[in-house]
């Protein structure tokens, strides 16, 4: 019985860490759409004429 003393809290910490990571990924993915609307990058590349 002495071997199982810390496994419960370790599981809770692991689940909380995964939850925090998922929240951060969700904010990065959906936060740009919510706060700044449409993020479009317009790249205009032209070749100089000689």
Protein backbone atom coordinates (compact mmCIF):
# COMPACT_ATOMS: atom_id res chain seq x y z
CA UNK A 1 0.00 0.00 0.00
CA UNK A 2 2.92 2.34 0.55
CA UNK A 3 3.77 2.30 -3.14
CA UNK A 4 0.57 4.11 -4.19
CA UNK A 5 0.96 7.18 -1.99
CA UNK A 6 1.60 9.81 -4.73
CA UNK A 7 -0.05 8.40 -7.84
CA UNK A 8 -3.41 10.09 -7.26
CA UNK A 9 -2.05 13.61 -7.16
CA UNK A 10 0.27 12.88 -10.09
CA UNK A 11 -2.74 11.90 -12.22
CA UNK A 12 -4.59 15.08 -11.27
CA UNK A 13 -1.58 17.23 -12.15
CA UNK A 14 -1.21 15.45 -15.50
CA UNK A 15 -4.87 16.00 -16.36
CA UNK A 16 -4.65 19.68 -15.38
CA UNK A 17 -1.50 20.14 -17.47
CA UNK A 18 -3.19 18.60 -20.53
CA UNK A 19 -6.26 20.79 -19.98
CA UNK A 20 -4.15 23.96 -19.76
CA UNK A 21 -2.28 23.03 -22.95
CA UNK A 22 -5.57 22.43 -24.79
CA UNK A 23 -6.91 25.81 -23.62
CA UNK A 24 -3.76 27.58 -24.81
CA UNK A 25 -3.91 25.86 -28.20
CA UNK A 26 -7.57 26.81 -28.49
CA UNK A 27 -6.80 30.44 -27.73
CA UNK A 28 -4.06 30.52 -30.35
CA UNK A 29 -6.26 28.89 -33.02
CA UNK A 30 -9.55 30.65 -32.34
CA UNK A 31 -8.32 33.82 -30.61
CA UNK A 32 -7.05 35.35 -33.84
CA UNK A 33 -10.42 34.85 -35.51
CA UNK A 34 -12.39 36.29 -32.61
CA UNK A 35 -10.27 39.33 -31.74
CA UNK A 36 -8.88 40.50 -35.07
CA UNK A 37 -11.40 39.16 -37.54
CA UNK A 38 -9.85 38.04 -40.78
CA UNK A 39 -6.10 37.50 -40.77
CA UNK A 40 -5.05 37.64 -44.38
CA UNK A 41 -1.47 38.01 -45.49
CA UNK A 42 -1.11 39.66 -48.88
CA UNK A 43 2.26 38.87 -50.40
CA UNK A 44 3.01 40.68 -53.63
CA UNK A 45 6.16 39.36 -55.25
CA UNK A 46 7.36 40.97 -58.47
CA UNK A 47 10.46 40.25 -60.49
CA UNK A 48 12.40 43.38 -61.41
CA UNK A 49 12.75 43.88 -65.15
CA UNK A 50 16.23 44.25 -66.60
